[in-house]
């Protein structure tokens, strides 16, 4: 795969943000990639460069080459999609001039290559042995996380652990897909090393043992090794390092680096402005999932809602929760309705409106304009972002403890059946926090519904449904695509082969012998 990587990797891209400490303001702009791995300081720089690439890989911003992750927030059974983002996938066959499925592949292999460079070159660096193992463990965890993302998106991928250098960039390579067993063997080997050499108590921006075990559990679930998945989720829970926080604090706390959070993508506006800066480029993720309440109009009166971050501020209204998701909640009891979503009834906040301080009447003629007024996700609300922009520099939670409980519940159910004590204990932890009654038995529907209630719009659902074999069925039953004013009655068709993305044509042209995924 060297020909692929030599076209996409430059030292300046990886190392223009290269700090000895995460979010350190110091910049090292002229570090040569040939000498970067020869000292402890160089290894630390390379590792921080990996974290910078990781943040870019998993965050969303509205440009053609970085929209890839956005798909996984909205292309499931819980969403209605208002704009081109839906039409550009299944309705076009994913073969035309679409950048984001290529972006996932190319940038993923970029991270894998640079992770492998840290892992391989660390052998020759003289430094404290424990500190070296910790650095290598983080690089291995990032490589494993990236391979896990690639194989669960594309199914058929390359396996390569030899970093690209000036001497091997154009070596002859046999391009063929690795087997799932081979891929997960490497993933598990990397994560086992990380588990053995990382501690739980690390900063929320860094990968520690908890994340390594969570990834190990995910890998095990994809391969049907439920005992291993249960072992690792149990270990995370028993560690005491993480716990559920009050429901109002999950996404509503001033800082998202709380006890439930396991890993965040960190952003800082003062240190940011671009991917290669310590503070990152920010993300308009919140704006993508909430209506533009400030566009609501009443004939002959000032707009009842003025732009205010309490109601999400500047937004896009691209993708919104659907009626199916609402039916899964007990709307009178489930606390998540209050703290994960904006209220159905808005209070007029424009002092110039005659209805100031009063609820907006439901009967006004704007009620069918979905872009302006619709039930919306509040998980990514930023109360301090600047007016007039959807860009937010609030940290983004990648993994949190609720997901561990849900994965552990599923693993124990698959081992022990409907009344398994651990399965019931774990899923009821989530339900109790939400203020709803415990379940007394567990089955697949119980797990599917609770996963939807708790993790909606967190880029987890697409992968969960694919893994359990329900993605096509659920998507075609409940996902709708339509325009701003019209009813959402046009379903987006999804075929079985759409559960795996196509291999980018640009990469097939380079690899020649690597096959395209079936159906494309």
Protein backbone atom coordinates (compact mmCIF):
# COMPACT_ATOMS: atom_id res chain seq x y z
CA UNK A 1 0.00 0.00 0.00
CA UNK A 2 3.04 2.26 -0.16
CA UNK A 3 2.00 3.98 -3.37
CA UNK A 4 -1.22 5.05 -1.69
CA UNK A 5 0.46 6.46 1.33
CA UNK A 6 3.28 8.31 -0.33
CA UNK A 7 0.63 10.35 -2.14
CA UNK A 8 -1.11 11.43 1.03
CA UNK A 9 1.51 11.76 3.74
CA UNK A 10 3.71 14.78 4.29
CA UNK A 11 5.71 15.62 7.36
CA UNK A 12 4.20 19.08 7.58
CA UNK A 13 0.63 17.72 7.75
CA UNK A 14 1.39 15.37 10.61
CA UNK A 15 3.82 17.43 12.61
CA UNK A 16 2.82 21.06 12.22
CA UNK A 17 1.05 20.53 15.53
CA UNK A 18 3.70 18.78 17.53
CA UNK A 19 3.68 19.67 21.17
CA UNK A 20 5.40 17.99 24.06
CA UNK A 21 2.14 18.41 25.96
CA UNK A 22 -1.37 18.22 24.58
CA UNK A 23 -2.72 21.68 23.73
CA UNK A 24 0.67 23.25 24.46
CA UNK A 25 0.91 26.51 22.54
CA UNK A 26 4.49 25.86 21.39
CA UNK A 27 4.73 24.91 17.73
CA UNK A 28 7.51 22.93 16.07
CA UNK A 29 7.15 23.71 12.38
CA UNK A 30 10.45 22.53 10.97
CA UNK A 31 10.90 19.00 12.28
CA UNK A 32 12.27 16.61 9.67
CA UNK A 33 10.42 13.32 9.46
CA UNK A 34 13.72 11.45 9.10
CA UNK A 35 14.93 12.52 12.56
CA UNK A 36 11.62 12.79 14.40
CA UNK A 37 11.79 9.25 15.80
CA UNK A 38 15.35 9.32 17.15
CA UNK A 39 14.76 10.97 20.55
CA UNK A 40 12.18 10.76 23.35
CA UNK A 41 11.11 14.31 22.51
CA UNK A 42 10.70 13.35 18.88
CA UNK A 43 8.54 10.35 19.78
CA UNK A 44 6.37 12.57 21.97
CA UNK A 45 6.00 15.00 19.06
CA UNK A 46 5.04 12.18 16.72
CA UNK A 47 2.48 10.82 19.18
CA UNK A 48 0.88 14.22 19.62
CA UNK A 49 0.75 14.48 15.85
CA UNK A 50 -1.18 11.22 15.85
CA UNK A 51 -3.71 12.63 18.29
CA UNK A 52 -4.11 15.67 16.05
CA UNK A 53 -4.81 13.41 13.06
CA UNK A 54 -7.20 11.37 15.17
CA UNK A 55 -9.17 14.49 16.09
CA UNK A 56 -9.39 15.49 12.45
CA UNK A 57 -10.48 12.00 11.46
CA UNK A 58 -13.41 11.82 13.86
CA UNK A 59 -14.68 15.37 13.92
CA UNK A 60 -17.16 16.81 11.41
CA UNK A 61 -16.89 20.08 9.52
CA UNK A 62 -18.89 21.00 6.44
CA UNK A 63 -16.36 20.59 3.66
CA UNK A 64 -16.37 17.92 0.99
CA UNK A 65 -13.35 16.08 2.29
CA UNK A 66 -14.35 16.01 5.95
CA UNK A 67 -18.05 15.18 5.84
CA UNK A 68 -17.38 11.45 6.18
CA UNK A 69 -18.10 11.03 9.87
CA UNK A 70 -21.24 13.09 9.59
CA UNK A 71 -22.87 10.19 7.78
CA UNK A 72 -22.71 7.98 10.85
CA UNK A 73 -24.60 10.51 12.96
CA UNK A 74 -27.63 10.59 10.67
CA UNK A 75 -27.78 7.58 8.32
CA UNK A 76 -29.75 5.34 10.63
CA UNK A 77 -33.32 4.61 11.67
CA UNK A 78 -33.62 7.53 14.11
CA UNK A 79 -33.29 10.43 11.70
CA UNK A 80 -34.99 12.46 9.02
CA UNK A 81 -32.65 14.11 6.55
CA UNK A 82 -33.48 17.42 4.92
CA UNK A 83 -30.56 18.07 2.58
CA UNK A 84 -28.27 16.53 -0.01
CA UNK A 85 -26.35 14.57 2.63
CA UNK A 86 -28.75 11.64 2.29
CA UNK A 87 -29.20 11.80 -1.48
CA UNK A 88 -25.45 11.72 -2.04
CA UNK A 89 -25.22 8.19 -0.69
CA UNK A 90 -27.70 5.46 -1.46
CA UNK A 91 -29.60 7.27 -4.18
CA UNK A 92 -26.44 7.81 -6.23
CA UNK A 93 -24.90 4.40 -5.67
CA UNK A 94 -21.92 5.99 -3.88
CA UNK A 95 -19.78 5.86 -7.00
CA UNK A 96 -19.96 9.40 -8.37
CA UNK A 97 -18.03 12.49 -7.35
CA UNK A 98 -18.47 11.98 -3.62
CA UNK A 99 -15.45 12.70 -1.48
CA UNK A 100 -16.28 11.46 1.96
CA UNK A 101 -16.08 7.70 1.44
CA UNK A 102 -12.64 8.30 -0.04
CA UNK A 103 -11.70 10.54 2.88
CA UNK A 104 -12.36 7.80 5.42
CA UNK A 105 -10.11 5.35 3.59
CA UNK A 106 -7.22 7.66 2.74
CA UNK A 107 -7.00 9.47 6.06
CA UNK A 108 -7.50 6.24 7.96
CA UNK A 109 -4.50 4.65 6.31
CA UNK A 110 -2.54 7.83 6.92
CA UNK A 111 -3.09 7.39 10.65
CA UNK A 112 -2.26 3.70 10.49
CA UNK A 113 0.99 4.44 8.69
CA UNK A 114 2.08 7.08 11.19
CA UNK A 115 1.05 4.88 14.13
CA UNK A 116 3.21 2.10 12.72
CA UNK A 117 6.11 4.55 12.37
CA UNK A 118 5.94 5.39 16.07
CA UNK A 119 5.65 1.72 17.04
CA UNK A 120 8.56 0.56 14.86
CA UNK A 121 10.99 3.41 15.48
CA UNK A 122 10.48 3.45 19.24
CA UNK A 123 12.58 0.29 19.43
CA UNK A 124 15.73 2.27 18.67
CA UNK A 125 15.13 5.21 21.00
CA UNK A 126 16.99 5.18 24.30
CA UNK A 127 14.64 6.35 27.02
CA UNK A 128 12.84 5.21 30.16
CA UNK A 129 11.40 1.76 29.37
CA UNK A 130 8.02 2.36 31.02
CA UNK A 131 7.55 5.72 29.30
CA UNK A 132 8.42 4.14 25.95
CA UNK A 133 5.91 1.33 26.46
CA UNK A 134 3.22 3.87 27.30
CA UNK A 135 3.90 5.82 24.08
CA UNK A 136 3.90 2.66 21.98
CA UNK A 137 0.72 1.48 23.70
CA UNK A 138 -1.09 4.69 22.74
CA UNK A 139 0.11 4.41 19.14
CA UNK A 140 -1.02 0.79 19.01
CA UNK A 141 -4.44 1.74 20.41
CA UNK A 142 -4.85 4.46 17.78
CA UNK A 143 -3.85 2.00 15.06
CA UNK A 144 -6.31 -0.57 16.40
CA UNK A 145 -9.12 2.00 16.65
CA UNK A 146 -8.49 3.06 13.05
CA UNK A 147 -8.42 -0.49 11.71
CA UNK A 148 -11.63 -1.21 13.61
CA UNK A 149 -13.29 1.80 12.00
CA UNK A 150 -12.09 0.85 8.52
CA UNK A 151 -13.07 -2.81 8.65
CA UNK A 152 -16.53 -2.02 10.03
CA UNK A 153 -17.14 0.51 7.23
CA UNK A 154 -15.60 -1.18 4.20
CA UNK A 155 -15.43 -4.87 5.27
CA UNK A 156 -12.62 -5.56 2.79
CA UNK A 157 -9.44 -3.66 3.63
CA UNK A 158 -5.67 -3.85 3.43
CA UNK A 159 -3.49 -4.94 6.33
CA UNK A 160 -0.10 -3.26 6.62
CA UNK A 161 2.11 -2.56 9.63
CA UNK A 162 5.23 -1.32 7.78
CA UNK A 163 5.44 2.48 7.79
CA UNK A 164 6.13 4.33 4.58
CA UNK A 165 9.65 5.73 4.17
CA UNK A 166 11.60 7.34 1.37
CA UNK A 167 13.27 4.00 0.63
CA UNK A 168 10.17 1.78 0.45
CA UNK A 169 7.56 4.18 -0.91
CA UNK A 170 7.51 2.61 -4.35
CA UNK A 171 8.21 -1.01 -3.43
CA UNK A 172 6.12 -3.61 -5.22
CA UNK A 173 3.11 -4.59 -3.14
CA UNK A 174 0.51 -7.31 -3.58
CA UNK A 175 -2.83 -5.59 -3.02
CA UNK A 176 -5.45 -7.95 -1.67
CA UNK A 177 -8.01 -7.81 1.15
CA UNK A 178 -7.05 -9.30 4.48
CA UNK A 179 -9.45 -11.71 6.13
CA UNK A 180 -11.60 -10.50 9.01
CA UNK A 181 -9.72 -12.91 11.29
CA UNK A 182 -6.36 -11.40 10.29
CA UNK A 183 -7.57 -7.85 10.83
CA UNK A 184 -9.07 -8.54 14.24
CA UNK A 185 -6.01 -10.54 15.25
CA UNK A 186 -3.88 -7.43 14.73
CA UNK A 187 -6.47 -5.19 16.41
CA UNK A 188 -6.61 -7.48 19.43
CA UNK A 189 -2.84 -7.84 19.63
CA UNK A 190 -2.39 -4.06 19.60
CA UNK A 191 -5.07 -3.58 22.22
CA UNK A 192 -3.77 -6.34 24.48
CA UNK A 193 -0.41 -4.56 24.50
CA UNK A 194 -2.16 -1.26 25.26
CA UNK A 195 -4.16 -2.81 28.10
CA UNK A 196 -0.97 -4.22 29.64
CA UNK A 197 0.93 -0.93 29.44
CA UNK A 198 -1.65 1.82 30.03
CA UNK A 199 -3.27 2.94 33.25
CA UNK A 200 -6.88 3.94 33.74
CA UNK A 201 -6.24 7.34 35.28
CA UNK A 202 -5.24 9.49 32.31
CA UNK A 203 -6.45 12.82 30.98
CA UNK A 204 -9.68 12.69 29.02
CA UNK A 205 -7.87 13.70 25.81
CA UNK A 206 -5.58 10.66 25.94
CA UNK A 207 -6.17 6.96 25.47
CA UNK A 208 -5.84 4.94 28.67
CA UNK A 209 -6.61 1.39 29.66
CA UNK A 210 -10.34 2.06 29.78
CA UNK A 211 -10.50 3.00 26.09
CA UNK A 212 -8.18 0.13 25.15
CA UNK A 213 -10.53 -2.30 26.89
CA UNK A 214 -13.60 -0.71 25.32
CA UNK A 215 -12.11 -1.08 21.85
CA UNK A 216 -11.13 -4.66 22.69
CA UNK A 217 -14.73 -5.35 23.70
CA UNK A 218 -16.02 -3.81 20.46
CA UNK A 219 -13.67 -5.92 18.39
CA UNK A 220 -14.79 -9.03 20.26
CA UNK A 221 -18.47 -8.25 19.64
CA UNK A 222 -17.88 -7.94 15.88
CA UNK A 223 -16.26 -11.39 15.92
CA UNK A 224 -18.90 -12.99 18.14
CA UNK A 225 -16.53 -13.46 21.08
CA UNK A 226 -19.05 -12.39 23.69
CA UNK A 227 -17.12 -13.81 26.63
CA UNK A 228 -14.15 -11.57 25.83
CA UNK A 229 -16.42 -8.56 25.39
CA UNK A 230 -18.03 -9.23 28.77
CA UNK A 231 -14.62 -9.61 30.41
CA UNK A 232 -13.44 -6.22 29.22
CA UNK A 233 -16.63 -4.28 29.93
CA UNK A 234 -16.75 -5.86 33.38
CA UNK A 235 -13.15 -4.77 33.99
CA UNK A 236 -13.89 -1.17 33.00
CA UNK A 237 -16.88 -1.06 35.34
CA UNK A 238 -14.99 -2.71 38.20
CA UNK A 239 -12.09 -0.27 37.85
CA UNK A 240 -14.14 2.52 39.42
CA UNK A 241 -12.44 5.05 37.14
CA UNK A 242 -15.71 6.02 35.44
CA UNK A 243 -19.34 6.27 36.49
CA UNK A 244 -22.64 7.62 35.21
CA UNK A 245 -23.25 11.25 36.08
CA UNK A 246 -26.62 12.90 36.62
CA UNK A 247 -28.59 13.06 33.39
CA UNK A 248 -28.46 16.87 33.25
CA UNK A 249 -24.66 16.77 33.36
CA UNK A 250 -23.96 14.27 30.57
CA UNK A 251 -24.00 16.96 27.88
CA UNK A 252 -24.99 19.94 30.00
CA UNK A 253 -21.95 20.26 32.25
CA UNK A 254 -19.65 23.25 31.82
CA UNK A 255 -16.84 20.79 31.11
CA UNK A 256 -17.48 17.50 29.35
CA UNK A 257 -14.40 15.95 30.96
CA UNK A 258 -16.52 14.54 33.77
CA UNK A 259 -16.68 11.13 35.43
CA UNK A 260 -18.78 9.52 32.68
CA UNK A 261 -16.51 10.63 29.86
CA UNK A 262 -13.83 8.18 28.78
CA UNK A 263 -12.36 10.04 25.78
CA UNK A 264 -12.95 13.46 24.25
CA UNK A 265 -11.82 15.21 21.11
CA UNK A 266 -10.47 18.45 22.62
CA UNK A 267 -11.02 21.84 21.02
CA UNK A 268 -9.86 25.30 22.07
CA UNK A 269 -10.76 28.40 20.08
CA UNK A 270 -7.81 30.45 21.37
CA UNK A 271 -5.32 27.80 20.31
CA UNK A 272 -7.27 26.66 17.24
CA UNK A 273 -8.55 27.74 13.87
CA UNK A 274 -7.10 24.87 11.82
CA UNK A 275 -6.60 21.12 12.10
CA UNK A 276 -2.85 21.49 12.52
CA UNK A 277 -3.15 23.82 15.48
CA UNK A 278 -3.32 22.74 19.08
CA UNK A 279 -6.95 23.83 19.50
CA UNK A 280 -8.20 22.19 16.30
CA UNK A 281 -10.66 23.57 13.78
CA UNK A 282 -13.86 23.22 15.76
CA UNK A 283 -17.04 21.65 14.42
CA UNK A 284 -20.58 22.72 13.47
CA UNK A 285 -21.93 19.36 14.66
CA UNK A 286 -24.57 20.89 16.91
CA UNK A 287 -25.92 23.10 14.15
CA UNK A 288 -26.41 20.09 11.89
CA UNK A 289 -29.00 18.53 14.22
CA UNK A 290 -31.21 21.41 15.30
CA UNK A 291 -33.80 23.54 13.57
CA UNK A 292 -33.25 27.22 12.83
CA UNK A 293 -35.71 28.48 15.41
CA UNK A 294 -34.67 32.08 14.78
CA UNK A 295 -36.13 31.86 11.23
CA UNK A 296 -39.67 31.26 12.51
CA UNK A 297 -41.89 34.02 11.13
CA UNK A 298 -45.29 35.32 12.15
CA UNK A 299 -47.11 37.53 9.64
CA UNK A 300 -47.14 41.18 10.70
CA UNK A 301 -44.95 40.60 13.77
CA UNK A 302 -41.23 40.43 14.58
CA UNK A 303 -39.78 36.94 14.57
CA UNK A 304 -40.74 35.36 17.91
CA UNK A 305 -37.31 33.74 18.43
CA UNK A 306 -34.04 35.60 18.09
CA UNK A 307 -30.78 33.75 17.70
CA UNK A 308 -29.72 32.57 21.15
CA UNK A 309 -27.37 29.79 22.16
CA UNK A 310 -29.95 28.54 24.66
CA UNK A 311 -31.92 27.47 21.58
CA UNK A 312 -28.79 26.32 19.77
CA UNK A 313 -27.79 29.60 18.18
CA UNK A 314 -26.84 29.58 14.51
CA UNK A 315 -27.74 26.24 12.99
CA UNK A 316 -28.39 24.29 9.80
CA UNK A 317 -31.42 22.09 10.49
CA UNK A 318 -30.06 19.33 8.27
CA UNK A 319 -30.94 16.21 10.26
CA UNK A 320 -33.56 15.87 12.94
CA UNK A 321 -35.03 13.17 15.20
CA UNK A 322 -37.92 11.26 13.65
CA UNK A 323 -41.24 10.07 14.97
CA UNK A 324 -39.98 6.51 15.41
CA UNK A 325 -37.36 7.69 17.90
CA UNK A 326 -40.00 9.61 19.83
CA UNK A 327 -42.15 6.49 20.17
CA UNK A 328 -39.29 4.75 21.97
CA UNK A 329 -39.42 7.21 24.88
CA UNK A 330 -41.93 7.51 27.67
CA UNK A 331 -42.16 11.23 27.00
CA UNK A 332 -43.75 11.97 30.38
CA UNK A 333 -41.14 10.15 32.49
CA UNK A 334 -37.89 9.72 30.58
CA UNK A 335 -35.51 12.49 31.68
CA UNK A 336 -33.58 12.20 28.43
CA UNK A 337 -36.42 13.99 26.65
CA UNK A 338 -35.57 17.09 28.66
CA UNK A 339 -31.78 16.94 28.63
CA UNK A 340 -30.94 15.33 25.27
CA UNK A 341 -33.43 17.31 23.14
CA UNK A 342 -34.71 20.85 22.79
CA UNK A 343 -38.25 21.40 24.08
CA UNK A 344 -41.20 20.92 21.77
CA UNK A 345 -42.73 24.18 22.90
CA UNK A 346 -40.47 27.21 22.59
CA UNK A 347 -40.77 30.32 24.73
CA UNK A 348 -40.76 33.55 22.74
CA UNK A 349 -37.46 35.32 23.52
CA UNK A 350 -37.73 38.37 21.27
CA UNK A 351 -38.59 41.39 23.46
CA UNK A 352 -40.13 43.09 20.41
CA UNK A 353 -42.70 40.32 19.98
CA UNK A 354 -46.16 40.83 21.53
CA UNK A 355 -45.89 37.22 22.75
CA UNK A 356 -42.56 37.78 24.58
CA UNK A 357 -42.15 35.32 27.45
CA UNK A 358 -45.06 33.15 26.30
CA UNK A 359 -45.09 29.77 24.56
CA UNK A 360 -45.28 29.83 20.77
CA UNK A 361 -48.76 28.67 19.74
CA UNK A 362 -48.72 25.33 17.95
CA UNK A 363 -51.33 26.42 15.41
CA UNK A 364 -49.24 29.04 13.59
CA UNK A 365 -48.69 28.40 9.87
CA UNK A 366 -44.98 27.67 10.20
CA UNK A 367 -45.63 24.28 11.80
CA UNK A 368 -44.72 22.33 8.64
CA UNK A 369 -41.44 24.15 7.99
CA UNK A 370 -39.07 21.54 9.35
CA UNK A 371 -35.95 23.63 8.95
CA UNK A 372 -37.42 26.27 11.24
CA UNK A 373 -39.37 24.33 13.82
CA UNK A 374 -38.89 20.67 14.66
CA UNK A 375 -37.95 18.50 17.60
CA UNK A 376 -34.14 18.71 17.71
CA UNK A 377 -31.11 17.11 19.32
CA UNK A 378 -29.47 19.16 22.11
CA UNK A 379 -26.43 16.99 22.84
CA UNK A 380 -24.01 19.32 21.06
CA UNK A 381 -25.35 22.65 22.26
CA UNK A 382 -22.65 25.23 22.94
CA UNK A 383 -23.79 28.05 25.21
CA UNK A 384 -20.71 30.23 24.59
CA UNK A 385 -20.07 29.97 20.84
CA UNK A 386 -19.98 33.32 18.97
CA UNK A 387 -23.19 34.68 17.49
CA UNK A 388 -23.76 34.15 13.81
CA UNK A 389 -21.76 30.96 13.46
CA UNK A 390 -22.54 27.28 13.77
CA UNK A 391 -18.88 26.56 14.52
CA UNK A 392 -18.27 25.29 18.04
CA UNK A 393 -15.07 24.68 19.96
CA UNK A 394 -16.72 22.64 22.64
CA UNK A 395 -15.08 19.27 23.32
CA UNK A 396 -16.74 16.27 21.71
CA UNK A 397 -17.29 13.07 23.68
CA UNK A 398 -16.07 10.03 21.74
CA UNK A 399 -16.72 7.36 24.37
CA UNK A 400 -18.66 7.48 27.61
CA UNK A 401 -19.60 5.04 30.33
CA UNK A 402 -23.20 4.58 29.21
CA UNK A 403 -21.89 2.85 26.08
CA UNK A 404 -19.86 0.45 28.22
CA UNK A 405 -22.97 -0.55 30.16
CA UNK A 406 -24.97 -1.10 26.99
CA UNK A 407 -22.25 -3.16 25.33
CA UNK A 408 -21.74 -5.15 28.51
CA UNK A 409 -25.47 -5.78 28.80
CA UNK A 410 -25.57 -7.15 25.26
CA UNK A 411 -22.50 -9.35 25.80
CA UNK A 412 -23.94 -10.87 28.98
CA UNK A 413 -27.36 -11.36 27.37
CA UNK A 414 -25.77 -13.25 24.49
CA UNK A 415 -23.97 -15.48 27.00
CA UNK A 416 -26.58 -15.90 29.70
CA UNK A 417 -29.93 -15.23 28.07
CA UNK A 418 -32.94 -13.08 28.89
CA UNK A 419 -32.57 -13.15 32.69
CA UNK A 420 -28.81 -12.85 32.95
CA UNK A 421 -28.12 -10.85 36.15
CA UNK A 422 -25.31 -8.75 34.68
CA UNK A 423 -27.30 -7.95 31.54
CA UNK A 424 -30.20 -6.74 33.69
CA UNK A 425 -27.94 -4.86 36.09
CA UNK A 426 -26.14 -2.99 33.33
CA UNK A 427 -29.13 -1.99 31.21
CA UNK A 428 -31.10 -0.97 34.29
CA UNK A 429 -28.27 1.35 35.34
CA UNK A 430 -29.06 3.35 32.22
CA UNK A 431 -32.81 3.20 32.70
CA UNK A 432 -32.68 4.15 36.38
CA UNK A 433 -30.59 7.21 35.58
CA UNK A 434 -33.19 8.19 32.98
CA UNK A 435 -36.03 7.85 35.50
CA UNK A 436 -37.83 4.93 33.87
CA UNK A 437 -38.76 1.52 35.25
CA UNK A 438 -36.35 -1.42 35.24
CA UNK A 439 -36.77 -4.25 32.78
CA UNK A 440 -37.01 -7.80 34.10
CA UNK A 441 -35.88 -9.57 30.95
CA UNK A 442 -33.55 -8.66 28.10
CA UNK A 443 -33.86 -9.45 24.41
CA UNK A 444 -32.59 -7.89 21.20
CA UNK A 445 -35.45 -5.41 20.93
CA UNK A 446 -34.89 -4.21 24.50
CA UNK A 447 -31.23 -3.65 23.69
CA UNK A 448 -31.96 -1.95 20.37
CA UNK A 449 -34.48 0.42 21.91
CA UNK A 450 -32.32 1.37 24.89
CA UNK A 451 -29.32 1.95 22.63
CA UNK A 452 -31.45 4.31 20.56
CA UNK A 453 -32.74 6.23 23.58
CA UNK A 454 -29.31 6.69 25.14
CA UNK A 455 -26.88 7.02 22.21
CA UNK A 456 -29.00 8.69 19.52
CA UNK A 457 -27.03 11.08 17.30
CA UNK A 458 -23.67 10.02 18.77
CA UNK A 459 -22.41 8.21 15.62
CA UNK A 460 -22.85 4.78 17.19
CA UNK A 461 -26.19 3.54 15.84
CA UNK A 462 -25.11 2.79 12.24
CA UNK A 463 -22.36 0.47 13.44
CA UNK A 464 -24.55 -1.17 16.08
CA UNK A 465 -27.30 -1.97 13.59
CA UNK A 466 -24.83 -3.26 11.03
CA UNK A 467 -23.18 -5.53 13.59
CA UNK A 468 -26.46 -7.12 14.68
CA UNK A 469 -27.69 -7.47 11.08
CA UNK A 470 -30.55 -4.96 11.35
CA UNK A 471 -29.22 -1.92 9.48
CA UNK A 472 -31.03 -2.35 6.15
CA UNK A 473 -34.31 -3.40 7.76
CA UNK A 474 -34.37 -0.55 10.27
CA UNK A 475 -33.12 2.11 7.87
CA UNK A 476 -35.67 1.32 5.21
CA UNK A 477 -38.48 1.17 7.75
CA UNK A 478 -37.84 4.45 9.54
CA UNK A 479 -35.38 6.79 7.79
CA UNK A 480 -36.91 9.52 5.63
CA UNK A 481 -35.54 12.11 3.26
CA UNK A 482 -37.35 15.21 2.08
CA UNK A 483 -37.36 18.95 1.54
CA UNK A 484 -37.75 21.83 3.97
CA UNK A 485 -41.46 22.40 3.51
CA UNK A 486 -42.79 19.07 2.31
CA UNK A 487 -43.73 16.05 4.35
CA UNK A 488 -41.01 13.47 4.85
CA UNK A 489 -42.62 10.64 2.96
CA UNK A 490 -39.85 9.74 0.53
CA UNK A 491 -37.79 6.90 1.89
CA UNK A 492 -34.14 6.62 0.97
CA UNK A 493 -33.57 3.15 -0.46
CA UNK A 494 -30.87 1.01 1.09
CA UNK A 495 -29.75 -2.30 -0.39
CA UNK A 496 -27.79 -5.05 1.34
CA UNK A 497 -24.51 -4.06 -0.30
CA UNK A 498 -24.83 -0.54 1.14
CA UNK A 499 -23.85 -1.87 4.56
CA UNK A 500 -20.28 -1.64 3.29
CA UNK A 501 -18.91 1.45 1.56
CA UNK A 502 -17.25 1.23 -1.86
CA UNK A 503 -13.47 1.19 -2.10
CA UNK A 504 -12.52 4.65 -3.46
CA UNK A 505 -11.95 4.54 -7.21
CA UNK A 506 -8.80 6.62 -6.90
CA UNK A 507 -7.32 3.93 -4.67
CA UNK A 508 -8.46 1.08 -6.92
CA UNK A 509 -6.70 2.80 -9.81
CA UNK A 510 -3.49 2.75 -7.79
CA UNK A 511 -3.84 -0.77 -6.37
CA UNK A 512 -5.11 -2.33 -9.65
CA UNK A 513 -5.49 -5.87 -8.25
CA UNK A 514 -7.62 -4.91 -5.23
CA UNK A 515 -11.29 -5.77 -5.87
CA UNK A 516 -14.18 -3.35 -5.56
CA UNK A 517 -16.77 -4.28 -2.96
CA UNK A 518 -19.73 -6.28 -4.35
CA UNK A 519 -22.60 -4.19 -5.70
CA UNK A 520 -20.54 -1.17 -6.79
